[in-house]
Amino acid sequence: MRQRAIATLALFVLAIAQSGCMTAFAAFQPENIGGTTVVLHTTDADGNSYDRVVTPIDEGEQLFIAANHWPRAWYYRALENPDVSVTREGKTTDYRAVPVSGKERERLLDESGFPLVAYLFTGFAPRQFLRLDPR
């Protein structure tokens, strides 16, 4: 019974993700509602600036961010123009966004945790990570 309920929920999430409802919902994520979040500032090819609230993954001095939802224009902008900045607790710092792959990505997938319900809610979007190197 439980597996059937999970399968039904998964199909529902996939259906609304395909219809754009999930994308529209995720695009209106809240700004800081109590957790640790930062504001990522990206720039497109025309020089337009965009802000996105994301949850950082801190590993000592190293900072990572993850693209967890299908709406990931910010992620693609950071790949195209890796000179980004992050505002945390009122302080803005410049970074170079570096795509994470291979063993480093697998390690982050294992260590950062992302519950099954989150995968369901985000329409099984593949998680991608950026390492933010100080400039």
N, C-alpha and C. Protein backbone atom coordinates (compact mmCIF):
# COMPACT_ATOMS: atom_id res chain seq x y z
N MET A 1 0.83 -1.20 0.00
CA MET A 1 0.00 0.00 0.00
C MET A 1 0.87 1.26 0.00
N ARG A 2 1.90 1.27 0.84
CA ARG A 2 2.77 2.44 0.94
C ARG A 2 3.50 2.71 -0.38
N GLN A 3 3.98 1.64 -1.03
CA GLN A 3 4.67 1.80 -2.30
C GLN A 3 3.73 2.35 -3.37
N ARG A 4 2.49 1.91 -3.32
CA ARG A 4 1.52 2.41 -4.28
C ARG A 4 1.25 3.89 -4.08
N ALA A 5 1.17 4.32 -2.81
CA ALA A 5 0.95 5.73 -2.52
C ALA A 5 2.14 6.57 -2.99
N ILE A 6 3.34 6.08 -2.77
CA ILE A 6 4.54 6.81 -3.21
C ILE A 6 4.57 6.88 -4.72
N ALA A 7 4.26 5.78 -5.39
CA ALA A 7 4.25 5.76 -6.85
C ALA A 7 3.20 6.73 -7.40
N THR A 8 2.03 6.77 -6.78
CA THR A 8 0.98 7.68 -7.21
C THR A 8 1.41 9.13 -7.02
N LEU A 9 2.02 9.42 -5.88
CA LEU A 9 2.51 10.78 -5.62
C LEU A 9 3.58 11.15 -6.63
N ALA A 10 4.48 10.23 -6.93
CA ALA A 10 5.54 10.49 -7.89
C ALA A 10 4.96 10.81 -9.27
N LEU A 11 3.97 10.05 -9.69
CA LEU A 11 3.33 10.32 -10.98
C LEU A 11 2.64 11.67 -10.99
N PHE A 12 2.00 12.02 -9.89
CA PHE A 12 1.34 13.32 -9.77
C PHE A 12 2.36 14.45 -9.90
N VAL A 13 3.48 14.32 -9.19
CA VAL A 13 4.52 15.35 -9.23
C VAL A 13 5.08 15.48 -10.64
N LEU A 14 5.34 14.36 -11.28
CA LEU A 14 5.85 14.41 -12.65
C LEU A 14 4.84 15.06 -13.59
N ALA A 15 3.58 14.77 -13.41
CA ALA A 15 2.54 15.35 -14.26
C ALA A 15 2.49 16.86 -14.10
N ILE A 16 2.54 17.35 -12.88
CA ILE A 16 2.46 18.80 -12.71
C ILE A 16 3.77 19.47 -13.11
N ALA A 17 4.89 18.75 -12.99
CA ALA A 17 6.17 19.31 -13.43
C ALA A 17 6.13 19.51 -14.95
N GLN A 18 5.58 18.54 -15.68
CA GLN A 18 5.50 18.64 -17.14
C GLN A 18 4.54 19.75 -17.56
N SER A 19 3.52 20.01 -16.77
CA SER A 19 2.53 21.01 -17.15
C SER A 19 3.01 22.43 -16.86
N GLY A 20 4.12 22.55 -16.15
CA GLY A 20 4.62 23.88 -15.82
C GLY A 20 4.19 24.36 -14.45
N CYS A 21 3.24 23.65 -13.81
CA CYS A 21 2.77 24.08 -12.49
C CYS A 21 3.90 24.02 -11.47
N MET A 22 4.69 22.95 -11.52
CA MET A 22 5.80 22.83 -10.57
C MET A 22 6.83 23.93 -10.81
N THR A 23 7.10 24.22 -12.07
CA THR A 23 8.05 25.26 -12.40
C THR A 23 7.56 26.61 -11.87
N ALA A 24 6.30 26.90 -12.10
CA ALA A 24 5.75 28.17 -11.62
C ALA A 24 5.79 28.24 -10.11
N PHE A 25 5.48 27.13 -9.44
CA PHE A 25 5.49 27.12 -7.98
C PHE A 25 6.90 27.35 -7.44
N ALA A 26 7.88 26.63 -7.99
CA ALA A 26 9.24 26.73 -7.49
C ALA A 26 9.86 28.09 -7.78
N ALA A 27 9.41 28.77 -8.82
CA ALA A 27 9.97 30.06 -9.17
C ALA A 27 9.68 31.12 -8.11
N PHE A 28 8.66 30.90 -7.30
CA PHE A 28 8.30 31.87 -6.28
C PHE A 28 8.73 31.43 -4.89
N GLN A 29 9.93 30.87 -4.81
CA GLN A 29 10.42 30.43 -3.50
C GLN A 29 10.52 31.63 -2.56
N PRO A 30 10.37 31.39 -1.29
CA PRO A 30 10.44 32.50 -0.34
C PRO A 30 11.86 33.02 -0.19
N GLU A 31 11.94 34.27 0.21
CA GLU A 31 13.26 34.81 0.55
C GLU A 31 13.61 34.21 1.89
N ASN A 32 14.36 34.62 2.71
CA ASN A 32 14.81 33.91 3.91
C ASN A 32 13.65 33.71 4.90
N ILE A 33 13.18 32.46 5.05
CA ILE A 33 12.07 32.19 5.98
C ILE A 33 12.54 31.45 7.21
N GLY A 34 13.77 31.65 7.62
CA GLY A 34 14.20 31.08 8.88
C GLY A 34 15.42 30.20 8.76
N GLY A 35 15.69 29.66 7.60
CA GLY A 35 16.88 28.84 7.42
C GLY A 35 18.05 29.71 7.02
N THR A 36 19.19 29.08 6.87
CA THR A 36 20.36 29.80 6.40
C THR A 36 20.28 29.88 4.89
N THR A 37 20.11 31.06 4.37
CA THR A 37 20.11 31.26 2.93
C THR A 37 21.03 32.41 2.58
N VAL A 38 21.37 32.46 1.30
CA VAL A 38 22.18 33.56 0.76
C VAL A 38 21.49 34.04 -0.50
N VAL A 39 21.87 35.22 -0.96
CA VAL A 39 21.37 35.72 -2.23
C VAL A 39 22.50 35.64 -3.23
N LEU A 40 22.27 34.88 -4.29
CA LEU A 40 23.24 34.74 -5.37
C LEU A 40 22.92 35.78 -6.44
N HIS A 41 23.92 36.53 -6.85
CA HIS A 41 23.76 37.55 -7.89
C HIS A 41 24.46 37.06 -9.15
N THR A 42 23.68 36.89 -10.24
CA THR A 42 24.23 36.46 -11.52
C THR A 42 23.96 37.54 -12.56
N THR A 43 24.67 37.44 -13.68
CA THR A 43 24.52 38.41 -14.76
C THR A 43 24.39 37.66 -16.08
N ASP A 44 23.47 38.11 -16.94
CA ASP A 44 23.32 37.45 -18.23
C ASP A 44 24.24 38.11 -19.27
N ALA A 45 24.18 37.62 -20.52
CA ALA A 45 25.06 38.10 -21.58
C ALA A 45 24.85 39.57 -21.91
N ASP A 46 23.64 40.09 -21.62
CA ASP A 46 23.35 41.50 -21.89
C ASP A 46 23.70 42.40 -20.71
N GLY A 47 24.24 41.84 -19.64
CA GLY A 47 24.62 42.63 -18.48
C GLY A 47 23.51 42.83 -17.46
N ASN A 48 22.36 42.18 -17.68
CA ASN A 48 21.27 42.28 -16.71
C ASN A 48 21.60 41.44 -15.49
N SER A 49 21.33 41.98 -14.31
CA SER A 49 21.63 41.31 -13.06
C SER A 49 20.38 40.65 -12.50
N TYR A 50 20.56 39.46 -11.90
CA TYR A 50 19.46 38.70 -11.32
C TYR A 50 19.86 38.21 -9.94
N ASP A 51 18.90 38.17 -9.04
CA ASP A 51 19.13 37.66 -7.68
C ASP A 51 18.31 36.39 -7.48
N ARG A 52 18.91 35.45 -6.77
CA ARG A 52 18.21 34.20 -6.46
C ARG A 52 18.58 33.78 -5.04
N VAL A 53 17.59 33.45 -4.25
CA VAL A 53 17.83 32.97 -2.89
C VAL A 53 18.13 31.48 -2.96
N VAL A 54 19.27 31.09 -2.40
CA VAL A 54 19.68 29.69 -2.39
C VAL A 54 20.21 29.33 -1.01
N THR A 55 20.23 28.04 -0.73
CA THR A 55 20.78 27.55 0.53
C THR A 55 22.22 27.13 0.30
N PRO A 56 23.16 27.69 1.03
CA PRO A 56 24.56 27.33 0.81
C PRO A 56 24.90 25.99 1.46
N ILE A 57 25.94 25.38 0.94
CA ILE A 57 26.53 24.20 1.55
C ILE A 57 27.93 24.62 1.96
N ASP A 58 28.12 24.79 3.26
CA ASP A 58 29.42 25.24 3.78
C ASP A 58 30.26 24.03 4.16
N GLU A 59 31.48 24.02 3.68
CA GLU A 59 32.44 22.99 4.07
C GLU A 59 33.72 23.70 4.49
N GLY A 60 33.73 24.14 5.72
CA GLY A 60 34.88 24.90 6.21
C GLY A 60 34.96 26.22 5.46
N GLU A 61 36.05 26.42 4.76
CA GLU A 61 36.24 27.65 3.99
C GLU A 61 35.63 27.57 2.59
N GLN A 62 35.19 26.38 2.18
CA GLN A 62 34.66 26.19 0.83
C GLN A 62 33.13 26.31 0.83
N LEU A 63 32.61 27.00 -0.18
CA LEU A 63 31.17 27.24 -0.30
C LEU A 63 30.67 26.60 -1.59
N PHE A 64 29.55 25.88 -1.49
CA PHE A 64 28.89 25.28 -2.64
C PHE A 64 27.43 25.72 -2.63
N ILE A 65 26.81 25.69 -3.81
CA ILE A 65 25.36 25.87 -3.92
C ILE A 65 24.84 24.80 -4.88
N ALA A 66 23.59 24.43 -4.71
CA ALA A 66 23.00 23.37 -5.52
C ALA A 66 21.78 23.88 -6.27
N ALA A 67 21.67 23.43 -7.51
CA ALA A 67 20.46 23.65 -8.30
C ALA A 67 19.57 22.44 -8.05
N ASN A 68 18.52 22.62 -7.27
CA ASN A 68 17.67 21.51 -6.85
C ASN A 68 16.34 21.44 -7.59
N HIS A 69 15.93 22.53 -8.24
CA HIS A 69 14.62 22.60 -8.89
C HIS A 69 14.81 22.69 -10.40
N TRP A 70 13.75 22.48 -11.13
CA TRP A 70 13.81 22.65 -12.58
C TRP A 70 14.04 24.10 -12.96
N PRO A 71 13.42 25.08 -12.33
CA PRO A 71 13.76 26.46 -12.74
C PRO A 71 15.20 26.74 -12.31
N ARG A 72 16.09 26.74 -13.25
CA ARG A 72 17.49 26.93 -12.90
C ARG A 72 18.19 27.89 -13.84
N ALA A 73 17.48 28.93 -14.25
CA ALA A 73 18.10 29.93 -15.11
C ALA A 73 19.33 30.52 -14.43
N TRP A 74 19.26 30.71 -13.11
CA TRP A 74 20.42 31.25 -12.39
C TRP A 74 21.64 30.36 -12.56
N TYR A 75 21.43 29.05 -12.57
CA TYR A 75 22.53 28.09 -12.72
C TYR A 75 23.17 28.23 -14.10
N TYR A 76 22.34 28.32 -15.14
CA TYR A 76 22.87 28.46 -16.49
C TYR A 76 23.56 29.81 -16.69
N ARG A 77 23.01 30.87 -16.06
CA ARG A 77 23.69 32.17 -16.13
C ARG A 77 25.07 32.09 -15.48
N ALA A 78 25.16 31.39 -14.34
CA ALA A 78 26.45 31.25 -13.65
C ALA A 78 27.44 30.44 -14.48
N LEU A 79 26.95 29.47 -15.25
CA LEU A 79 27.84 28.73 -16.13
C LEU A 79 28.35 29.61 -17.27
N GLU A 80 27.46 30.45 -17.81
CA GLU A 80 27.83 31.34 -18.92
C GLU A 80 28.71 32.49 -18.47
N ASN A 81 28.43 33.03 -17.29
CA ASN A 81 29.23 34.13 -16.73
C ASN A 81 29.53 33.77 -15.28
N PRO A 82 30.66 33.09 -15.05
CA PRO A 82 30.94 32.56 -13.71
C PRO A 82 31.34 33.60 -12.66
N ASP A 83 31.46 34.86 -13.06
CA ASP A 83 31.74 35.90 -12.07
C ASP A 83 30.43 36.28 -11.38
N VAL A 84 30.23 35.73 -10.19
CA VAL A 84 29.00 35.93 -9.43
C VAL A 84 29.36 36.57 -8.09
N SER A 85 28.34 36.98 -7.37
CA SER A 85 28.55 37.44 -6.00
C SER A 85 27.46 36.86 -5.12
N VAL A 86 27.76 36.81 -3.83
CA VAL A 86 26.85 36.25 -2.85
C VAL A 86 26.72 37.24 -1.70
N THR A 87 25.48 37.51 -1.32
CA THR A 87 25.23 38.34 -0.14
C THR A 87 24.77 37.43 0.98
N ARG A 88 25.51 37.50 2.08
CA ARG A 88 25.22 36.70 3.27
C ARG A 88 25.29 37.63 4.47
N GLU A 89 24.19 37.67 5.20
CA GLU A 89 24.12 38.49 6.41
C GLU A 89 24.57 39.93 6.13
N GLY A 90 24.13 40.48 4.99
CA GLY A 90 24.41 41.87 4.65
C GLY A 90 25.76 42.13 4.02
N LYS A 91 26.62 41.12 3.91
CA LYS A 91 27.94 41.30 3.32
C LYS A 91 27.99 40.61 1.97
N THR A 92 28.45 41.34 0.94
CA THR A 92 28.53 40.78 -0.41
C THR A 92 29.98 40.43 -0.73
N THR A 93 30.18 39.22 -1.26
CA THR A 93 31.51 38.72 -1.62
C THR A 93 31.48 38.24 -3.06
N ASP A 94 32.55 38.50 -3.80
CA ASP A 94 32.66 38.07 -5.20
C ASP A 94 33.26 36.67 -5.28
N TYR A 95 32.71 35.87 -6.21
CA TYR A 95 33.16 34.49 -6.39
C TYR A 95 33.27 34.17 -7.88
N ARG A 96 33.96 33.09 -8.15
CA ARG A 96 33.96 32.46 -9.47
C ARG A 96 33.22 31.14 -9.29
N ALA A 97 32.13 30.95 -10.06
CA ALA A 97 31.32 29.74 -9.98
C ALA A 97 31.96 28.66 -10.86
N VAL A 98 32.24 27.52 -10.24
CA VAL A 98 32.89 26.40 -10.94
C VAL A 98 31.96 25.19 -10.88
N PRO A 99 31.57 24.65 -12.04
CA PRO A 99 30.71 23.46 -12.02
C PRO A 99 31.41 22.29 -11.34
N VAL A 100 30.64 21.54 -10.59
CA VAL A 100 31.16 20.38 -9.86
C VAL A 100 30.75 19.13 -10.60
N SER A 101 31.70 18.22 -10.80
CA SER A 101 31.39 16.97 -11.48
C SER A 101 32.21 15.84 -10.87
N GLY A 102 31.99 14.66 -11.39
CA GLY A 102 32.78 13.49 -10.99
C GLY A 102 32.64 13.15 -9.52
N LYS A 103 33.78 12.80 -8.93
CA LYS A 103 33.79 12.35 -7.53
C LYS A 103 33.34 13.44 -6.57
N GLU A 104 33.69 14.69 -6.88
CA GLU A 104 33.28 15.79 -5.99
C GLU A 104 31.76 15.92 -5.98
N ARG A 105 31.12 15.78 -7.13
CA ARG A 105 29.65 15.84 -7.20
C ARG A 105 29.03 14.67 -6.45
N GLU A 106 29.57 13.47 -6.65
CA GLU A 106 29.04 12.30 -5.96
C GLU A 106 29.16 12.46 -4.44
N ARG A 107 30.28 13.01 -3.99
CA ARG A 107 30.47 13.25 -2.56
C ARG A 107 29.43 14.23 -2.04
N LEU A 108 29.20 15.31 -2.77
CA LEU A 108 28.20 16.30 -2.34
C LEU A 108 26.80 15.69 -2.33
N LEU A 109 26.49 14.87 -3.32
CA LEU A 109 25.19 14.20 -3.33
C LEU A 109 25.02 13.34 -2.09
N ASP A 110 26.08 12.62 -1.73
CA ASP A 110 26.02 11.74 -0.55
C ASP A 110 25.95 12.52 0.75
N GLU A 111 26.72 13.59 0.86
CA GLU A 111 26.86 14.29 2.13
C GLU A 111 25.84 15.39 2.36
N SER A 112 25.33 16.01 1.32
CA SER A 112 24.45 17.16 1.52
C SER A 112 23.03 16.77 1.87
N GLY A 113 22.66 15.55 1.59
CA GLY A 113 21.33 15.09 1.96
C GLY A 113 20.23 15.80 1.19
N PHE A 114 19.31 15.03 0.71
CA PHE A 114 18.15 15.56 -0.01
C PHE A 114 17.10 14.46 0.09
N PRO A 115 16.13 14.61 0.96
CA PRO A 115 15.17 13.53 1.20
C PRO A 115 14.33 13.21 -0.03
N LEU A 116 13.83 11.98 -0.08
CA LEU A 116 13.02 11.52 -1.19
C LEU A 116 11.84 12.46 -1.44
N VAL A 117 11.23 12.94 -0.39
CA VAL A 117 10.08 13.84 -0.56
C VAL A 117 10.50 15.12 -1.28
N ALA A 118 11.73 15.57 -1.07
CA ALA A 118 12.22 16.75 -1.79
C ALA A 118 12.37 16.45 -3.27
N TYR A 119 12.89 15.26 -3.59
CA TYR A 119 12.98 14.87 -5.00
C TYR A 119 11.59 14.81 -5.64
N LEU A 120 10.63 14.26 -4.91
CA LEU A 120 9.26 14.20 -5.41
C LEU A 120 8.73 15.61 -5.65
N PHE A 121 8.93 16.48 -4.67
CA PHE A 121 8.39 17.84 -4.74
C PHE A 121 9.00 18.63 -5.88
N THR A 122 10.27 18.37 -6.20
CA THR A 122 10.95 19.12 -7.26
C THR A 122 10.87 18.43 -8.61
N GLY A 123 10.04 17.39 -8.73
CA GLY A 123 9.86 16.73 -10.01
C GLY A 123 11.07 15.93 -10.44
N PHE A 124 11.82 15.42 -9.47
CA PHE A 124 13.02 14.61 -9.72
C PHE A 124 14.06 15.37 -10.54
N ALA A 125 14.19 16.65 -10.27
CA ALA A 125 15.21 17.45 -10.95
C ALA A 125 16.60 16.94 -10.54
N PRO A 126 17.48 16.72 -11.51
CA PRO A 126 18.83 16.27 -11.15
C PRO A 126 19.58 17.38 -10.44
N ARG A 127 20.19 17.06 -9.32
CA ARG A 127 20.92 18.07 -8.56
C ARG A 127 22.26 18.36 -9.23
N GLN A 128 22.52 19.65 -9.42
CA GLN A 128 23.81 20.11 -9.95
C GLN A 128 24.40 21.05 -8.92
N PHE A 129 25.71 21.06 -8.81
CA PHE A 129 26.39 21.88 -7.81
C PHE A 129 27.37 22.84 -8.46
N LEU A 130 27.52 23.99 -7.83
CA LEU A 130 28.57 24.93 -8.18
C LEU A 130 29.44 25.13 -6.94
N ARG A 131 30.75 25.11 -7.15
CA ARG A 131 31.69 25.49 -6.10
C ARG A 131 31.96 26.97 -6.31
N LEU A 132 31.91 27.73 -5.24
CA LEU A 132 32.16 29.16 -5.33
C LEU A 132 33.55 29.47 -4.80
N ASP A 133 34.44 29.79 -5.72
CA ASP A 133 35.82 30.11 -5.35
C ASP A 133 35.95 31.63 -5.20
N PRO A 134 36.51 32.11 -4.09
CA PRO A 134 36.66 33.55 -3.90
C PRO A 134 37.49 34.18 -5.03
N ARG A 135 37.09 35.38 -5.42
CA ARG A 135 37.86 36.12 -6.44
C ARG A 135 38.68 37.18 -5.75
